[in-house]
Protein backbone atom coordinates (compact mmCIF):
# COMPACT_ATOMS: atom_id res chain seq x y z
CA UNK A 1 28.44 -6.10 4.50
CA UNK A 2 25.30 -4.14 4.99
CA UNK A 3 22.54 -5.75 6.92
CA UNK A 4 18.82 -4.48 6.69
CA UNK A 5 16.79 -3.76 9.65
CA UNK A 6 13.56 -4.21 7.98
CA UNK A 7 11.13 -6.58 10.03
CA UNK A 8 10.16 -8.27 6.74
CA UNK A 9 13.76 -8.97 5.84
CA UNK A 10 15.55 -8.56 9.22
CA UNK A 11 17.16 -11.97 8.39
CA UNK A 12 18.34 -10.86 5.04
CA UNK A 13 21.92 -9.72 4.52
CA UNK A 14 23.18 -7.66 1.47
CA UNK A 15 26.69 -8.58 0.28
CA UNK A 16 29.16 -6.30 -1.50
CA UNK A 17 28.41 -8.07 -4.82
CA UNK A 18 24.65 -7.26 -4.46
CA UNK A 19 23.75 -10.58 -3.25
CA UNK A 20 21.11 -11.03 -0.51
CA UNK A 21 21.25 -14.00 1.89
CA UNK A 22 18.60 -14.92 4.55
CA UNK A 23 20.95 -15.48 7.73
CA UNK A 24 18.44 -18.00 9.19
CA UNK A 25 17.66 -19.53 6.10
CA UNK A 26 14.10 -18.46 6.30
CA UNK A 27 13.25 -21.77 8.07
CA UNK A 28 12.67 -21.98 11.62
CA UNK A 29 13.38 -24.81 13.87
CA UNK A 30 10.45 -26.54 15.57
CA UNK A 31 11.62 -25.09 18.78
CA UNK A 32 11.71 -21.64 17.14
CA UNK A 33 8.56 -22.29 15.61
CA UNK A 34 6.74 -23.20 18.93
CA UNK A 35 8.29 -20.07 20.49
CA UNK A 36 6.99 -17.89 17.71
CA UNK A 37 3.58 -19.44 17.81
CA UNK A 38 3.41 -19.17 21.68
CA UNK A 39 4.26 -15.64 21.67
CA UNK A 40 1.27 -14.75 19.57
CA UNK A 41 -0.96 -16.76 21.97
CA UNK A 42 0.54 -15.33 25.31
CA UNK A 43 0.65 -11.71 23.97
CA UNK A 44 -2.11 -9.47 25.51
CA UNK A 45 -4.87 -8.44 23.28
CA UNK A 46 -4.18 -4.73 23.74
CA UNK A 47 -0.69 -5.09 22.09
CA UNK A 48 -0.68 -3.39 18.68
CA UNK A 49 1.01 -5.84 16.16
CA UNK A 50 1.78 -2.88 13.96
CA UNK A 51 3.67 -1.28 16.86
CA UNK A 52 6.14 -4.25 17.00
CA UNK A 53 6.96 -3.55 13.30
CA UNK A 54 7.65 0.07 14.21
CA UNK A 55 9.84 -0.83 17.04
CA UNK A 56 11.81 -3.53 15.13
CA UNK A 57 12.33 -1.18 12.13
CA UNK A 58 15.46 1.13 12.58
CA UNK A 59 14.83 4.59 11.75
CA UNK A 60 17.85 4.69 9.67
CA UNK A 61 16.97 1.89 7.52
CA UNK A 62 17.23 2.26 3.77
CA UNK A 63 16.64 0.02 0.89
CA UNK A 64 19.77 -1.53 -0.44
CA UNK A 65 18.77 -0.48 -4.17
CA UNK A 66 17.80 3.18 -4.58
CA UNK A 67 17.76 5.80 -7.25
CA UNK A 68 17.72 5.03 -11.03
CA UNK A 69 18.65 1.42 -10.46
CA UNK A 70 15.57 0.84 -8.02
CA UNK A 71 13.37 2.56 -10.65
CA UNK A 72 14.67 -0.05 -13.30
CA UNK A 73 14.15 -2.91 -10.93
CA UNK A 74 10.76 -1.84 -9.86
CA UNK A 75 9.52 -0.95 -13.25
CA UNK A 76 10.86 -4.28 -14.72
CA UNK A 77 8.88 -6.24 -12.06
CA UNK A 78 5.78 -4.28 -13.06
CA UNK A 79 6.21 -5.31 -16.67
CA UNK A 80 6.21 -8.88 -15.62
CA UNK A 81 2.98 -8.43 -13.68
CA UNK A 82 1.79 -7.07 -16.88
CA UNK A 83 2.29 -10.35 -18.57
CA UNK A 84 -0.12 -12.05 -16.17
CA UNK A 85 -2.72 -9.34 -16.42
CA UNK A 86 -2.54 -8.80 -20.17
CA UNK A 87 -3.05 -12.64 -20.84
CA UNK A 88 -5.42 -13.40 -18.30
CA UNK A 89 -8.04 -11.28 -20.15
CA UNK A 90 -6.80 -10.66 -23.57
CA UNK A 91 -8.80 -13.67 -24.91
CA UNK A 92 -12.04 -12.18 -23.70
CA UNK A 93 -12.90 -10.37 -26.84
CA UNK A 94 -11.13 -12.78 -29.43
CA UNK A 95 -12.57 -16.13 -28.50
CA UNK A 96 -14.72 -16.07 -31.62
CA UNK A 97 -11.73 -15.44 -33.83
CA UNK A 98 -9.82 -18.23 -32.23
CA UNK A 99 -12.60 -20.60 -32.96
CA UNK A 100 -13.02 -19.50 -36.37
CA UNK A 101 -9.19 -20.37 -36.96
CA UNK A 102 -8.86 -23.62 -34.90
CA UNK A 103 -12.29 -24.94 -34.67
CA UNK A 104 -13.49 -27.32 -31.93
CA UNK A 105 -16.25 -25.35 -30.36
CA UNK A 106 -16.80 -27.88 -27.76
CA UNK A 107 -13.21 -26.81 -26.20
CA UNK A 108 -14.30 -23.05 -26.06
CA UNK A 109 -14.13 -22.98 -22.19
CA UNK A 110 -10.44 -23.88 -22.26
CA UNK A 111 -9.48 -20.57 -23.90
CA UNK A 112 -10.28 -18.70 -20.80
CA UNK A 113 -9.77 -21.36 -18.01
CA UNK A 114 -6.42 -22.67 -19.36
CA UNK A 115 -4.31 -19.87 -18.04
CA UNK A 116 -6.00 -19.98 -14.65
CA UNK A 117 -5.18 -23.78 -14.44
CA UNK A 118 -1.58 -23.05 -15.09
CA UNK A 119 -1.86 -20.22 -12.40
CA UNK A 120 -2.80 -22.90 -9.89
CA UNK A 121 1.05 -23.36 -9.55
CA UNK A 122 1.13 -20.30 -7.60
CA UNK A 123 1.03 -21.88 -4.29
CA UNK A 124 3.95 -24.16 -4.86
CA UNK A 125 5.82 -21.46 -6.64
CA UNK A 126 5.29 -19.02 -3.74
CA UNK A 127 6.68 -21.60 -1.43
CA UNK A 128 9.55 -22.17 -3.93
CA UNK A 129 10.49 -18.51 -3.71
CA UNK A 130 11.03 -19.02 0.05
CA UNK A 131 13.84 -21.46 -0.45
CA UNK A 132 15.17 -21.49 -4.06
CA UNK A 133 17.36 -18.55 -5.45
CA UNK A 134 14.80 -15.94 -6.17
CA UNK A 135 16.36 -14.27 -9.13
CA UNK A 136 17.01 -17.37 -11.10
CA UNK A 137 13.72 -18.94 -10.19
CA UNK A 138 12.01 -15.68 -11.37
CA UNK A 139 13.82 -15.43 -14.73
CA UNK A 140 13.09 -19.13 -15.49
CA UNK A 141 9.52 -18.28 -15.11
CA UNK A 142 9.58 -15.46 -17.42
CA UNK A 143 11.08 -17.83 -20.01
CA UNK A 144 8.28 -20.42 -19.46
CA UNK A 145 5.81 -17.72 -20.03
CA UNK A 146 7.38 -16.53 -23.27
CA UNK A 147 7.40 -20.15 -24.49
CA UNK A 148 3.77 -20.52 -23.76
CA UNK A 149 3.04 -17.23 -25.70
CA UNK A 150 4.93 -18.54 -28.68
CA UNK A 151 2.94 -22.01 -28.52
CA UNK A 152 -0.23 -20.00 -28.35
CA UNK A 153 0.54 -17.74 -31.18
CA UNK A 154 1.72 -20.62 -33.35
CA UNK A 155 -0.82 -23.01 -32.42
CA UNK A 156 -2.08 -25.28 -35.37
CA UNK A 157 -4.92 -26.75 -33.24
CA UNK A 158 -6.95 -26.18 -30.35
CA UNK A 159 -4.92 -28.69 -28.21
CA UNK A 160 -1.76 -26.76 -28.95
CA UNK A 161 -3.37 -23.61 -27.91
CA UNK A 162 -4.45 -24.92 -24.67
CA UNK A 163 -0.97 -26.31 -23.86
CA UNK A 164 0.33 -22.71 -24.44
CA UNK A 165 -2.36 -21.20 -22.29
CA UNK A 166 -1.34 -23.48 -19.37
CA UNK A 167 2.37 -22.58 -19.94
CA UNK A 168 1.36 -18.97 -19.88
CA UNK A 169 -0.49 -19.52 -16.73
CA UNK A 170 2.51 -21.27 -14.99
CA UNK A 171 4.99 -18.52 -16.07
CA UNK A 172 2.81 -15.44 -15.45
CA UNK A 173 1.49 -16.55 -11.87
CA UNK A 174 5.21 -17.11 -10.91
CA UNK A 175 6.13 -13.65 -12.28
CA UNK A 176 3.33 -12.17 -10.32
CA UNK A 177 4.25 -13.99 -7.07
CA UNK A 178 7.80 -13.14 -7.65
CA UNK A 179 7.19 -9.48 -8.12
CA UNK A 180 5.25 -9.46 -4.66
CA UNK A 181 7.99 -11.39 -3.14
CA UNK A 182 10.89 -9.16 -4.46
CA UNK A 183 9.04 -5.94 -3.26
CA UNK A 184 8.16 -7.61 0.10
CA UNK A 185 11.86 -8.49 0.68
CA UNK A 186 13.27 -5.18 -0.21
CA UNK A 187 11.04 -2.46 0.95
CA UNK A 188 10.14 -1.29 4.62
CA UNK A 189 6.58 -1.97 6.09
CA UNK A 190 5.64 1.79 5.91
CA UNK A 191 6.54 2.04 2.24
CA UNK A 192 5.53 -1.38 1.18
CA UNK A 193 1.73 -0.70 0.57
CA UNK A 194 2.40 1.96 -1.83
CA UNK A 195 4.73 -0.24 -3.89
CA UNK A 196 2.49 -3.00 -3.66
CA UNK A 197 -0.41 -0.59 -5.00
CA UNK A 198 1.66 -0.30 -8.08
CA UNK A 199 1.56 -3.97 -8.74
CA UNK A 200 -2.26 -3.89 -8.48
CA UNK A 201 -2.33 -0.68 -10.52
CA UNK A 202 -0.46 -2.39 -13.28
CA UNK A 203 -2.58 -5.56 -12.96
CA UNK A 204 -5.79 -3.68 -13.35
CA UNK A 205 -4.33 -1.63 -16.22
CA UNK A 206 -3.20 -4.87 -18.01
CA UNK A 207 -6.38 -6.82 -17.33
CA UNK A 208 -8.57 -3.95 -18.82
CA UNK A 209 -6.28 -3.10 -21.81
CA UNK A 210 -5.94 -7.12 -22.39
CA UNK A 211 -9.26 -7.09 -24.27
CA UNK A 212 -8.58 -3.83 -26.07
CA UNK A 213 -5.18 -5.21 -27.36
CA UNK A 214 -6.82 -8.42 -28.36
CA UNK A 215 -9.68 -6.96 -30.01
CA UNK A 216 -7.30 -4.77 -32.05
CA UNK A 217 -5.24 -7.47 -33.31
CA UNK A 218 -8.33 -9.61 -33.97
CA UNK A 219 -9.60 -6.80 -36.23
CA UNK A 220 -6.29 -6.14 -37.93
CA UNK A 221 -4.30 -8.03 -40.72
CA UNK A 222 -2.06 -9.21 -38.03
CA UNK A 223 -4.79 -11.57 -36.68
CA UNK A 224 -5.17 -12.69 -33.25
CA UNK A 225 -1.95 -14.65 -33.16
CA UNK A 226 -0.01 -11.44 -32.45
CA UNK A 227 -1.94 -10.73 -29.39
CA UNK A 228 0.63 -13.55 -27.97
CA UNK A 229 3.60 -12.65 -30.00
CA UNK A 230 3.57 -9.22 -28.62
CA UNK A 231 4.82 -10.79 -25.30
CA UNK A 232 8.21 -11.41 -26.94
CA UNK A 233 8.70 -7.72 -27.63
CA UNK A 234 7.88 -6.71 -24.25
CA UNK A 235 10.25 -9.29 -22.80
CA UNK A 236 13.09 -8.18 -25.02
CA UNK A 237 12.70 -4.65 -23.84
CA UNK A 238 12.45 -5.35 -20.12
CA UNK A 239 15.24 -8.23 -20.09
CA UNK A 240 18.26 -5.95 -19.46
CA UNK A 241 16.72 -4.48 -16.48
CA UNK A 242 15.49 -7.90 -15.14
CA UNK A 243 18.95 -9.44 -15.52
CA UNK A 244 21.13 -6.43 -14.38
CA UNK A 245 19.05 -4.52 -11.80
CA UNK A 246 17.20 -7.32 -9.75
CA UNK A 247 19.13 -8.41 -6.65
CA UNK A 248 20.41 -11.73 -6.14
CA UNK A 249 18.45 -13.22 -3.09
CA UNK A 250 19.11 -16.61 -1.87
CA UNK A 251 16.59 -17.47 1.16
CA UNK A 252 18.51 -20.69 2.10
CA UNK A 253 22.28 -20.45 1.02
CA UNK A 254 23.20 -23.10 3.33
CA UNK A 255 21.33 -25.85 1.35
CA UNK A 256 22.32 -27.36 -1.99
CA UNK A 257 19.88 -27.16 -4.96
CA UNK A 258 19.35 -31.05 -4.59
CA UNK A 259 18.61 -30.61 -0.86
CA UNK A 260 16.15 -27.89 -1.65
CA UNK A 261 14.37 -30.23 -4.03
CA UNK A 262 13.90 -32.80 -1.53
CA UNK A 263 12.66 -30.19 0.90
CA UNK A 264 9.62 -29.52 -1.20
CA UNK A 265 6.29 -30.99 -0.33
CA UNK A 266 5.81 -33.06 -3.71
CA UNK A 267 2.95 -35.01 -2.23
CA UNK A 268 1.08 -31.87 -1.38
CA UNK A 269 2.01 -30.25 -4.83
CA UNK A 270 0.62 -33.26 -6.81
CA UNK A 271 -2.56 -33.60 -4.80
CA UNK A 272 -3.29 -29.93 -4.85
CA UNK A 273 -2.70 -29.37 -8.45
CA UNK A 274 -4.79 -32.55 -9.31
CA UNK A 275 -7.73 -31.67 -6.95
CA UNK A 276 -7.73 -27.85 -8.09
CA UNK A 277 -7.90 -29.04 -11.80
CA UNK A 278 -10.86 -31.39 -11.02
CA UNK A 279 -12.80 -28.69 -9.41
CA UNK A 280 -12.01 -26.05 -12.14
CA UNK A 281 -12.99 -28.57 -15.00
CA UNK A 282 -16.14 -29.68 -13.05
CA UNK A 283 -17.38 -26.12 -12.71
CA UNK A 284 -16.37 -24.92 -16.16
CA UNK A 285 -17.68 -27.92 -18.19
CA UNK A 286 -20.80 -28.81 -16.09
CA UNK A 287 -23.81 -28.49 -18.38
CA UNK A 288 -22.01 -26.53 -21.28
CA UNK A 289 -19.61 -29.35 -22.30
CA UNK A 290 -20.81 -32.35 -20.20
CA UNK A 291 -24.30 -33.01 -18.79
CA UNK A 292 -24.31 -32.71 -15.01
CA UNK A 293 -25.17 -36.22 -14.70
CA UNK A 294 -22.68 -37.42 -17.25
CA UNK A 295 -19.77 -39.86 -16.42
CA UNK A 296 -16.93 -37.08 -16.99
CA UNK A 297 -18.88 -34.60 -14.51
CA UNK A 298 -19.30 -37.27 -11.81
CA UNK A 299 -15.60 -38.29 -12.23
CA UNK A 300 -14.51 -34.75 -11.68
CA UNK A 301 -16.49 -34.02 -8.64
CA UNK A 302 -15.69 -37.51 -7.11
CA UNK A 303 -12.02 -37.04 -7.58
CA UNK A 304 -12.17 -33.51 -6.21
CA UNK A 305 -13.83 -34.99 -2.97
CA UNK A 306 -11.10 -37.47 -2.64
CA UNK A 307 -8.35 -35.36 -3.34
CA UNK A 308 -9.47 -32.72 -0.97
CA UNK A 309 -9.58 -35.25 1.95
CA UNK A 310 -6.16 -36.46 0.96
CA UNK A 311 -4.89 -32.77 0.76
CA UNK A 312 -6.13 -32.00 4.20
CA UNK A 313 -4.55 -35.01 5.65
CA UNK A 314 -1.18 -34.39 3.95
CA UNK A 315 -1.32 -30.63 5.24
CA UNK A 316 -2.07 -31.67 8.81
CA UNK A 317 -0.23 -35.09 9.27
CA UNK A 318 2.45 -35.20 6.54
CA UNK A 319 5.00 -37.85 8.09
CA UNK A 320 8.20 -36.51 6.29
CA UNK A 321 7.71 -32.65 5.79
CA UNK A 322 7.49 -30.52 8.88
CA UNK A 323 4.87 -27.87 9.27
CA UNK A 324 6.92 -25.00 8.17
CA UNK A 325 7.59 -26.44 4.89
CA UNK A 326 4.15 -27.98 3.80
CA UNK A 327 2.72 -26.75 0.68
CA UNK A 328 -0.32 -25.17 2.33
CA UNK A 329 0.21 -23.11 5.60
CA UNK A 330 -2.67 -24.53 7.21
CA UNK A 331 -1.66 -23.37 10.39
CA UNK A 332 -2.37 -19.86 9.44
CA UNK A 333 -6.09 -20.81 9.29
CA UNK A 334 -6.08 -20.87 13.07
CA UNK A 335 -6.35 -17.25 13.00
CA UNK A 336 -9.83 -15.90 11.89
CA UNK A 337 -8.27 -12.50 10.87
CA UNK A 338 -6.19 -14.07 8.08
CA UNK A 339 -8.97 -16.22 7.02
CA UNK A 340 -11.28 -13.08 6.65
CA UNK A 341 -8.33 -11.33 4.65
CA UNK A 342 -7.85 -14.43 2.31
CA UNK A 343 -11.63 -14.69 1.61
CA UNK A 344 -11.66 -10.90 0.74
CA UNK A 345 -9.01 -11.14 -1.97
CA UNK A 346 -10.76 -14.40 -3.20
CA UNK A 347 -13.72 -12.04 -3.66
CA UNK A 348 -11.99 -9.03 -5.19
CA UNK A 349 -10.04 -11.24 -7.70
CA UNK A 350 -12.88 -13.20 -8.69
CA UNK A 351 -15.22 -10.23 -9.15
CA UNK A 352 -12.49 -8.26 -11.03
CA UNK A 353 -11.89 -11.03 -13.71
CA UNK A 354 -15.52 -11.77 -13.97
CA UNK A 355 -16.29 -8.03 -14.65
CA UNK A 356 -13.54 -7.92 -17.22
CA UNK A 357 -14.77 -11.00 -19.11
CA UNK A 358 -18.65 -10.20 -19.28
CA UNK A 359 -19.08 -6.43 -19.32
CA UNK A 360 -17.42 -6.35 -22.94
CA UNK A 361 -19.77 -9.20 -23.90
CA UNK A 362 -22.74 -7.18 -22.50
CA UNK A 363 -21.80 -4.32 -24.62
CA UNK A 364 -21.10 -6.56 -27.68
CA UNK A 365 -24.73 -7.81 -27.60
CA UNK A 366 -26.69 -4.63 -26.48
CA UNK A 367 -24.73 -2.02 -28.57
CA UNK A 368 -23.27 -4.07 -31.40
CA UNK A 369 -19.67 -3.26 -30.30
CA UNK A 370 -16.72 -4.85 -31.92
CA UNK A 371 -13.86 -6.43 -29.84
CA UNK A 372 -11.95 -3.06 -29.65
CA UNK A 373 -14.71 -0.79 -28.58
CA UNK A 374 -16.07 -3.44 -26.17
CA UNK A 375 -12.71 -3.41 -24.46
CA UNK A 376 -12.61 0.47 -24.39
CA UNK A 377 -16.00 0.27 -22.41
CA UNK A 378 -14.01 -1.09 -19.49
CA UNK A 379 -12.11 2.27 -18.80
CA UNK A 380 -14.46 3.27 -16.17
CA UNK A 381 -13.77 0.03 -14.24
CA UNK A 382 -10.07 0.65 -14.78
CA UNK A 383 -10.05 4.24 -13.53
CA UNK A 384 -12.07 3.09 -10.38
CA UNK A 385 -9.76 0.13 -9.62
CA UNK A 386 -6.47 2.28 -10.09
CA UNK A 387 -7.61 5.38 -8.32
CA UNK A 388 -8.75 3.41 -5.22
CA UNK A 389 -5.80 1.09 -5.18
CA UNK A 390 -3.16 3.89 -5.19
CA UNK A 391 -5.34 5.87 -2.71
CA UNK A 392 -5.28 2.87 -0.33
CA UNK A 393 -1.51 2.32 -0.83
CA UNK A 394 -0.86 6.11 -0.11
CA UNK A 395 -3.40 6.66 2.87
CA UNK A 396 -3.55 3.54 4.66
CA UNK A 397 0.08 3.44 6.00
CA UNK A 398 -0.40 7.29 6.95
CA UNK A 399 -3.72 6.64 8.84
CA UNK A 400 -2.77 3.20 10.14
CA UNK A 401 -6.18 1.44 9.89
CA UNK A 402 -7.01 -1.34 7.32
CA UNK A 403 -10.36 -2.47 8.42
CA UNK A 404 -12.34 0.67 7.09
CA UNK A 405 -10.89 -0.08 3.39
CA UNK A 406 -12.40 -3.71 3.62
CA UNK A 407 -15.79 -2.45 4.67
CA UNK A 408 -15.69 0.17 1.85
CA UNK A 409 -14.41 -2.26 -0.89
CA UNK A 410 -16.78 -4.92 -0.20
CA UNK A 411 -19.67 -2.51 0.12
CA UNK A 412 -18.89 -0.86 -3.27
CA UNK A 413 -18.59 -4.55 -4.86
CA UNK A 414 -22.00 -5.62 -3.37
CA UNK A 415 -23.70 -2.51 -4.49
CA UNK A 416 -22.16 -2.41 -8.08
CA UNK A 417 -22.78 -6.10 -8.56
CA UNK A 418 -26.46 -5.80 -7.34
CA UNK A 419 -26.97 -2.88 -9.89
CA UNK A 420 -25.56 -5.01 -12.66
CA UNK A 421 -28.13 -7.67 -11.95
CA UNK A 422 -30.71 -5.17 -12.86
CA UNK A 423 -29.29 -4.43 -16.44
CA UNK A 424 -31.15 -5.25 -19.54
CA UNK A 425 -31.05 -4.03 -23.26
CA UNK A 426 -32.45 -0.74 -22.50
CA UNK A 427 -29.99 0.20 -19.60
CA UNK A 428 -28.08 3.35 -20.63
CA UNK A 429 -24.37 3.30 -20.97
CA UNK A 430 -23.85 6.07 -18.41
CA UNK A 431 -25.65 3.62 -15.94
CA UNK A 432 -23.37 0.79 -16.78
CA UNK A 433 -20.32 2.81 -16.50
CA UNK A 434 -21.25 3.89 -13.21
CA UNK A 435 -22.09 0.33 -11.91
CA UNK A 436 -18.70 -0.88 -13.29
CA UNK A 437 -16.88 2.26 -11.63
CA UNK A 438 -18.23 0.97 -8.35
CA UNK A 439 -16.97 -2.49 -8.83
CA UNK A 440 -13.44 -1.05 -10.01
CA UNK A 441 -13.46 1.10 -6.68
CA UNK A 442 -14.37 -1.85 -4.55
CA UNK A 443 -11.75 -4.16 -5.82
CA UNK A 444 -9.02 -1.36 -5.64
CA UNK A 445 -9.95 -0.47 -2.14
CA UNK A 446 -8.38 -3.32 -0.41
CA UNK A 447 -6.79 -5.60 -3.16
CA UNK A 448 -3.30 -4.25 -2.48
CA UNK A 449 -3.81 -4.05 1.40
CA UNK A 450 -4.14 -7.74 1.53
CA UNK A 451 -0.60 -8.59 0.72
CA UNK A 452 0.91 -5.84 2.86
CA UNK A 453 -1.55 -6.32 5.80
CA UNK A 454 -1.09 -10.10 6.20
CA UNK A 455 2.70 -9.65 6.39
CA UNK A 456 2.51 -7.15 9.08
CA UNK A 457 0.35 -9.74 11.18
CA UNK A 458 2.74 -12.85 10.99
CA UNK A 459 6.26 -13.35 12.14
CA UNK A 460 9.49 -12.81 9.90
CA UNK A 461 9.64 -16.56 9.27
CA UNK A 462 6.12 -16.71 7.86
CA UNK A 463 6.63 -14.12 5.07
CA UNK A 464 6.64 -16.71 2.22
CA UNK A 465 3.80 -18.52 3.77
CA UNK A 466 1.66 -15.32 4.10
CA UNK A 467 2.34 -14.41 0.49
CA UNK A 468 1.36 -17.91 -0.63
CA UNK A 469 -1.69 -17.79 1.62
CA UNK A 470 -2.95 -14.73 -0.14
CA UNK A 471 -1.86 -15.65 -3.47
CA UNK A 472 -3.86 -18.81 -3.69
CA UNK A 473 -6.85 -17.15 -2.42
CA UNK A 474 -6.58 -14.72 -5.28
CA UNK A 475 -5.94 -17.38 -7.82
CA UNK A 476 -8.65 -19.51 -6.67
CA UNK A 477 -11.19 -16.69 -6.67
CA UNK A 478 -10.34 -16.10 -10.36
CA UNK A 479 -10.97 -19.66 -11.20
CA UNK A 480 -14.13 -20.43 -8.99
CA UNK A 481 -16.15 -17.25 -9.34
CA UNK A 482 -15.39 -16.91 -12.97
CA UNK A 483 -16.17 -20.71 -13.63
CA UNK A 484 -19.31 -20.65 -11.70
CA UNK A 485 -20.45 -17.11 -13.47
CA UNK A 486 -19.21 -18.69 -16.82
CA UNK A 487 -21.12 -22.02 -16.27
CA UNK A 488 -24.33 -20.13 -15.34
CA UNK A 489 -24.18 -17.93 -18.28
CA UNK A 490 -23.57 -20.69 -20.84
CA UNK A 491 -26.19 -23.16 -19.42
CA UNK A 492 -28.91 -20.50 -18.98
CA UNK A 493 -28.04 -18.77 -22.05
CA UNK A 494 -27.86 -21.95 -24.19
CA UNK A 495 -31.24 -23.10 -22.59
CA UNK A 496 -32.98 -19.68 -23.48
CA UNK A 497 -31.57 -19.61 -27.00
CA UNK A 498 -32.79 -23.27 -27.63
CA UNK A 499 -36.28 -22.23 -26.89
CA UNK A 500 -36.22 -19.50 -29.53
CA UNK A 501 -33.93 -21.49 -31.96
CA UNK A 502 -34.93 -25.23 -31.47
CA UNK A 503 -33.59 -26.31 -34.77
CA UNK A 504 -29.95 -24.86 -34.17
CA UNK A 505 -27.26 -27.43 -33.37
CA UNK A 506 -25.88 -27.29 -29.86
CA UNK A 507 -22.41 -26.09 -31.09
CA UNK A 508 -23.88 -23.20 -32.87
CA UNK A 509 -25.94 -22.26 -29.74
CA UNK A 510 -22.63 -22.12 -27.78
CA UNK A 511 -21.01 -19.88 -30.36
CA UNK A 512 -23.87 -17.53 -30.33
CA UNK A 513 -23.07 -16.89 -26.77
CA UNK A 514 -19.64 -15.63 -27.71
CA UNK A 515 -20.70 -12.42 -29.50
CA UNK A 516 -22.72 -10.96 -32.31
CA UNK A 517 -20.12 -10.88 -34.96
CA UNK A 518 -20.00 -14.58 -35.78
CA UNK A 519 -21.64 -15.69 -39.16
CA UNK A 520 -24.37 -17.66 -37.31
CA UNK A 521 -25.78 -14.50 -35.54
CA UNK A 522 -25.43 -12.55 -38.95
CA UNK A 523 -27.33 -15.15 -40.75
CA UNK A 524 -30.54 -14.76 -38.34
CA UNK A 525 -33.32 -12.48 -39.29
CA UNK A 526 -33.52 -9.01 -37.56
CA UNK A 527 -36.45 -10.30 -35.36
CA UNK A 528 -34.45 -13.31 -34.24
CA UNK A 529 -31.32 -11.21 -33.70
CA UNK A 530 -33.40 -8.91 -31.27
CA UNK A 531 -34.62 -11.99 -29.41
CA UNK A 532 -31.20 -13.48 -29.16
CA UNK A 533 -29.86 -10.22 -27.69
CA UNK A 534 -32.56 -10.03 -25.30
CA UNK A 535 -32.19 -13.56 -23.82
CA UNK A 536 -28.33 -13.26 -23.70
CA UNK A 537 -28.70 -10.07 -21.62
CA UNK A 538 -30.92 -11.96 -19.13
CA UNK A 539 -28.41 -14.87 -19.05
CA UNK A 540 -25.57 -12.37 -18.48
CA UNK A 541 -27.28 -11.09 -15.31
CA UNK A 542 -26.81 -14.45 -13.57
CA UNK A 543 -23.13 -13.91 -13.78
CA UNK A 544 -23.38 -10.91 -11.24
CA UNK A 545 -25.57 -12.92 -8.85
CA UNK A 546 -22.51 -14.98 -7.81
CA UNK A 547 -20.62 -11.62 -7.31
CA UNK A 548 -23.60 -10.41 -5.06
CA UNK A 549 -23.62 -13.55 -3.04
CA UNK A 550 -19.79 -13.73 -2.35
CA UNK A 551 -19.31 -10.00 -1.70
CA UNK A 552 -22.25 -9.96 0.67
CA UNK A 553 -20.49 -12.73 2.81
CA UNK A 554 -17.16 -10.85 2.52
CA UNK A 555 -18.80 -7.57 3.62
CA UNK A 556 -20.18 -9.51 6.84
CA UNK A 557 -16.58 -10.75 7.49
CA UNK A 558 -15.09 -7.37 7.06
CA UNK A 559 -17.00 -6.08 10.04
CA UNK A 560 -15.09 -8.62 12.28
CA UNK A 561 -11.72 -7.50 11.15
CA UNK A 562 -9.53 -5.88 13.89
CA UNK A 563 -10.03 -2.16 14.60
CA UNK A 564 -6.49 -1.81 15.91
CA UNK A 565 -4.01 0.62 14.30
CA UNK A 566 -1.50 -1.31 12.34
CA UNK A 567 0.94 1.22 11.28
């Protein structure tokens, strides 16, 4: 039996059958937890936390999986990250096609928000990876994602499509969290940032290619439905590597499956999911679907407030579940450094998804692009994000400092989003490409760093908590920033269009905001089409105001990050 010496998995043992066990079960007793927490408090400020990682890492440590088998395992993990990325943005350019087929324009916001509502499960799933058998949980979530893809592709109605999107969100976020968990458990602290940068590069690639693939299918005889069926082909190609090459990791082998179920914070899970769903729907539907003073909107925000209070109480004073197993690791919020890191990934994720959704729409209106070409316009953003994420993964462990990457990244997002606010119908393509290049570089500068840095700042027993802490920041950023931006765009856009098209029904006004290739837009006179494009472009600028505000706060926060050398 070979035991690893990696600090991130120093309590992991690899058996001769390729199974990995956490010798401590990944759960500290109350006494151990207190000692761990006290050690952080009592430690002098001048002690470098990264140095402890170096000291605890044996110089002869090697990954248990190496060579071609590691290549297959790692590439198969990246393929599942591609699921999440592709289907998070694949609908950006095909929403009009879906509405044309399924109807029910009033449910348009669900096309984009559905997958992110499902992705809210990333917090309970991240906790589950810390106690259930990692491989079987991971494979189960791959299956859930594929089922969701089939439901979306075969949906006979908008309700069926929404169900499929939520299932996709559950499966895809589980795959994403699982990939990060696997890499964190099987790599050394020094090599981890580089391998995690591969996750971000893949996510960036998939997120940008998603609209291109969706647009290509929408314009072909295969129709938009194959934008979802294609996932089955990808899964069939990667299934052998997932089944045969991924290691069997059991974080708590001493517990039965039934015991593990009872160890979950079910009260916290239910309250968190319900509250997050209410917030998401309140932000997304406010003004666009329901008036702000309507009964549904008031209900959403009232329930959100009540459930938030209940969730805080359960997280702090849960009478049954001890602090280490509660859903949200609220004890990590005691450290300002971790809060800043979480907020940074919140901003980066939200800025990335918002750019991916609304930049193609800007080109559709101002350049008359079809869904395919509008997606191609995102390539500068893709290039910036991949280049900076790989650069960060390669240089940060070598140079040792992480604070400069956060300052640089947030500054680039702030500058890029501020420039996007100035765009209008006459802004040149080169300028927009330059602005989105800055946004991509900003997101890539520290997106990868978040998961690797936070793991170096906590004890071994907090690995699962740290990943969940960052993952929920990422998911909430996607939902909240995208929802606020989308709500501003639809509300302001609808108001501006109503002024020049006072006789057009509200549903048709909303459909006009989805692109220039709808029959409603094409039926307008040339003069009205020009005025619609001008008003939509003005409305789109409001989306980037949200990014300016959030990235400005993140930039200020990055100035207070530690200046110590971590690696």
